[in-house]
């Protein structure tokens, strides 16, 4: 869904947001997709967030970038 890379004095920070689908049901029903944002390259900080909907994930990805660049607060509800 989205990948970003930030270059910092300590190295490279990667922010990746993607969708995760459950295994398809045998009866053909549609299973919901959930979204994750992973941050690698940051020490001693939350680096994993879960989102229930596409729009939440899109907004959350932007919030994570703003937080890491010092332009916004830490995103709410990190799940570690």
C-alpha atoms as a PDB file:
ATOM      1  CA  UNK A   1       0.000   0.000   0.000  1.00  0.00           C
ATOM      2  CA  UNK A   2       2.761   2.481   0.956  1.00  0.00           C
ATOM      3  CA  UNK A   3       6.532   2.413   1.469  1.00  0.00           C
ATOM      4  CA  UNK A   4       8.678   5.328   2.574  1.00  0.00           C
ATOM      5  CA  UNK A   5      12.340   5.610   3.504  1.00  0.00           C
ATOM      6  CA  UNK A   6      13.815   8.335   5.710  1.00  0.00           C
ATOM      7  CA  UNK A   7      17.548   8.922   5.936  1.00  0.00           C
ATOM      8  CA  UNK A   8      18.588   9.814   9.480  1.00  0.00           C
ATOM      9  CA  UNK A   9      21.982  10.340  11.142  1.00  0.00           C
ATOM     10  CA  UNK A  10      21.711   6.868  12.720  1.00  0.00           C
ATOM     11  CA  UNK A  11      20.842   5.173   9.449  1.00  0.00           C
ATOM     12  CA  UNK A  12      17.868   4.380   7.281  1.00  0.00           C
ATOM     13  CA  UNK A  13      14.287   4.205   8.624  1.00  0.00           C
ATOM     14  CA  UNK A  14      11.707   2.299   6.580  1.00  0.00           C
ATOM     15  CA  UNK A  15       7.949   2.828   7.008  1.00  0.00           C
ATOM     16  CA  UNK A  16       5.808   0.184   5.307  1.00  0.00           C
ATOM     17  CA  UNK A  17       2.004  -0.057   5.381  1.00  0.00           C
ATOM     18  CA  UNK A  18       0.289  -3.053   3.825  1.00  0.00           C
ATOM     19  CA  UNK A  19      -2.962  -5.023   3.889  1.00  0.00           C
ATOM     20  CA  UNK A  20      -3.328  -8.474   5.425  1.00  0.00           C
ATOM     21  CA  UNK A  21      -6.194 -10.726   4.390  1.00  0.00           C
ATOM     22  CA  UNK A  22      -7.385 -13.791   6.232  1.00  0.00           C
ATOM     23  CA  UNK A  23      -7.483 -17.086   4.400  1.00  0.00           C
ATOM     24  CA  UNK A  24     -10.471 -17.312   2.089  1.00  0.00           C
ATOM     25  CA  UNK A  25     -13.452 -19.099   3.568  1.00  0.00           C
ATOM     26  CA  UNK A  26     -14.405 -22.378   1.907  1.00  0.00           C
ATOM     27  CA  UNK A  27     -17.979 -21.196   1.410  1.00  0.00           C
ATOM     28  CA  UNK A  28     -16.800 -18.204  -0.665  1.00  0.00           C
ATOM     29  CA  UNK A  29     -17.580 -15.492   1.877  1.00  0.00           C
ATOM     30  CA  UNK A  30     -15.421 -12.401   1.777  1.00  0.00           C
ATOM     31  CA  UNK A  31     -13.017 -12.031   4.684  1.00  0.00           C
ATOM     32  CA  UNK A  32     -12.049  -8.575   5.930  1.00  0.00           C
ATOM     33  CA  UNK A  33      -8.648  -7.034   5.279  1.00  0.00           C
ATOM     34  CA  UNK A  34      -6.718  -5.439   8.122  1.00  0.00           C
ATOM     35  CA  UNK A  35      -3.719  -3.146   7.711  1.00  0.00           C
ATOM     36  CA  UNK A  36      -0.330  -2.905   9.406  1.00  0.00           C
ATOM     37  CA  UNK A  37       2.323  -0.219   9.558  1.00  0.00           C
ATOM     38  CA  UNK A  38       5.842  -1.423  10.376  1.00  0.00           C
ATOM     39  CA  UNK A  39       8.759   0.882  11.112  1.00  0.00           C
ATOM     40  CA  UNK A  40      12.277  -0.549  10.983  1.00  0.00           C
ATOM     41  CA  UNK A  41      15.469   1.265  11.898  1.00  0.00           C
ATOM     42  CA  UNK A  42      14.150   3.056  15.022  1.00  0.00           C
ATOM     43  CA  UNK A  43      15.400   1.897  18.406  1.00  0.00           C
ATOM     44  CA  UNK A  44      13.413   1.950  21.656  1.00  0.00           C
ATOM     45  CA  UNK A  45      10.253   3.244  19.985  1.00  0.00           C
ATOM     46  CA  UNK A  46       6.940   1.654  19.045  1.00  0.00           C
ATOM     47  CA  UNK A  47       7.334   0.274  15.571  1.00  0.00           C
ATOM     48  CA  UNK A  48       4.085  -1.537  14.772  1.00  0.00           C
ATOM     49  CA  UNK A  49       0.550  -0.206  14.331  1.00  0.00           C
ATOM     50  CA  UNK A  50      -2.678  -1.975  13.322  1.00  0.00           C
ATOM     51  CA  UNK A  51      -5.524  -0.361  11.391  1.00  0.00           C
ATOM     52  CA  UNK A  52      -8.974  -1.751  10.709  1.00  0.00           C
ATOM     53  CA  UNK A  53      -9.792   0.122   7.502  1.00  0.00           C
ATOM     54  CA  UNK A  54      -7.990   1.377   4.413  1.00  0.00           C
ATOM     55  CA  UNK A  55      -8.598   5.065   5.163  1.00  0.00           C
ATOM     56  CA  UNK A  56      -7.368   4.651   8.756  1.00  0.00           C
ATOM     57  CA  UNK A  57      -4.207   2.974   7.447  1.00  0.00           C
ATOM     58  CA  UNK A  58      -3.632   5.719   4.876  1.00  0.00           C
ATOM     59  CA  UNK A  59      -4.025   8.434   7.500  1.00  0.00           C
ATOM     60  CA  UNK A  60      -1.993   6.446  10.062  1.00  0.00           C
ATOM     61  CA  UNK A  61       0.909   5.976   7.635  1.00  0.00           C
ATOM     62  CA  UNK A  62       1.076   9.749   7.167  1.00  0.00           C
ATOM     63  CA  UNK A  63       0.915  10.297  10.958  1.00  0.00           C
ATOM     64  CA  UNK A  64       3.853   7.926  11.480  1.00  0.00           C
ATOM     65  CA  UNK A  65       5.936   9.853   8.928  1.00  0.00           C
ATOM     66  CA  UNK A  66       5.023  13.182  10.535  1.00  0.00           C
ATOM     67  CA  UNK A  67       5.962  11.815  13.977  1.00  0.00           C
ATOM     68  CA  UNK A  68       9.318  10.476  12.763  1.00  0.00           C
ATOM     69  CA  UNK A  69      10.183  13.774  11.049  1.00  0.00           C
ATOM     70  CA  UNK A  70       9.206  15.839  14.100  1.00  0.00           C
ATOM     71  CA  UNK A  71       6.167  17.458  12.479  1.00  0.00           C
ATOM     72  CA  UNK A  72       3.511  15.738  14.598  1.00  0.00           C
ATOM     73  CA  UNK A  73       2.826  13.764  17.772  1.00  0.00           C
ATOM     74  CA  UNK A  74       3.323  10.050  18.134  1.00  0.00           C
ATOM     75  CA  UNK A  75       0.414   8.195  16.506  1.00  0.00           C
ATOM     76  CA  UNK A  76      -2.204   6.802  18.872  1.00  0.00           C
ATOM     77  CA  UNK A  77      -2.684   3.161  19.778  1.00  0.00           C
ATOM     78  CA  UNK A  78       0.585   1.518  18.816  1.00  0.00           C
ATOM     79  CA  UNK A  79       0.363  -2.243  19.094  1.00  0.00           C
ATOM     80  CA  UNK A  80       3.682  -3.849  19.935  1.00  0.00           C
END
